[in-house]
Protein backbone atom coordinates (compact mmCIF):
# COMPACT_ATOMS: atom_id res chain seq x y z
CA MET A 1 121.31 214.64 -65.75
CA GLN A 2 119.94 211.21 -64.91
CA LYS A 3 118.83 209.01 -67.81
CA SER A 4 115.20 207.97 -67.60
CA TYR A 5 115.92 204.41 -68.70
CA SER A 6 117.81 203.67 -65.49
CA VAL A 7 114.98 204.75 -63.20
CA GLY A 8 112.38 202.27 -64.35
CA PRO A 9 109.65 201.72 -66.88
CA LYS A 10 107.27 204.28 -65.39
CA THR A 11 109.70 207.15 -65.92
CA PHE A 12 110.36 205.95 -69.45
CA LEU A 13 106.60 206.00 -70.10
CA LEU A 14 106.41 209.53 -68.71
CA ASP A 15 109.21 210.64 -71.03
CA GLN A 16 107.37 209.10 -73.97
CA ALA A 17 104.14 210.82 -72.88
CA LYS A 18 105.96 214.16 -72.74
CA ALA A 19 107.24 213.64 -76.29
CA ALA A 20 103.72 212.75 -77.46
CA ILE A 21 102.32 215.89 -75.83
CA GLN A 22 104.98 218.00 -77.50
CA ALA A 23 104.05 216.38 -80.83
CA LYS A 24 100.36 217.11 -80.09
CA ASP A 25 99.59 213.39 -80.21
CA TYR A 26 97.21 213.46 -77.28
CA LYS A 27 95.70 210.03 -77.90
CA THR A 28 99.12 208.41 -77.55
CA ALA A 29 99.98 210.59 -74.56
CA ARG A 30 96.76 209.58 -72.82
CA ALA A 31 97.49 205.89 -73.45
CA LEU A 32 101.06 206.19 -72.14
CA LEU A 33 99.89 207.98 -69.00
CA SER A 34 97.35 205.22 -68.39
CA GLN A 35 100.11 202.62 -68.79
CA ALA A 36 102.27 204.52 -66.29
CA GLU A 37 99.41 204.65 -63.79
CA ALA A 38 98.76 200.93 -64.21
CA ALA A 39 102.46 200.09 -63.76
CA ALA A 40 102.83 202.07 -60.53
CA PRO A 41 101.40 199.48 -58.09
CA THR A 42 103.57 196.68 -59.50
CA ASN A 43 106.77 198.72 -59.71
CA PRO A 44 109.39 197.27 -57.34
CA GLN A 45 110.85 200.76 -56.82
CA LEU A 46 109.19 203.59 -54.96
CA ILE A 47 107.66 206.17 -57.25
CA LEU A 48 109.46 209.47 -56.79
CA GLU A 49 107.41 212.53 -55.87
CA LYS A 50 108.59 214.32 -59.00
CA ASP A 51 107.27 211.46 -61.15
CA VAL A 52 103.89 211.53 -59.41
CA ALA A 53 103.81 215.28 -60.05
CA ARG A 54 104.77 214.79 -63.71
CA LEU A 55 102.02 212.22 -64.15
CA SER A 56 99.39 214.57 -62.76
CA PHE A 57 100.73 217.55 -64.67
CA TYR A 58 100.85 215.70 -68.00
CA ARG A 59 97.37 214.26 -67.46
CA GLY A 60 96.01 217.75 -66.80
CA LEU A 61 97.85 219.16 -69.78
CA VAL A 62 96.37 216.54 -72.10
CA GLU A 63 92.88 217.20 -70.76
CA TRP A 64 93.33 220.95 -71.17
CA ARG A 65 94.72 220.69 -74.71
CA ASP A 66 92.50 217.91 -76.02
CA GLY A 67 89.45 218.16 -73.81
């Protein structure tokens, strides 16, 4: 399994957002997802499709759970 830290800051933010969602801390999750979205254009690495999917999935999950 690949460690998130080695892939870049966006993946690390997504991992933190996942942990916040699991802890039902939706305010923090929403902030982390916004940070990840803001970091995407300046990221020197290409954003992997799975990370784009995770971002969308987590954003939808937060909206569904928290409204």
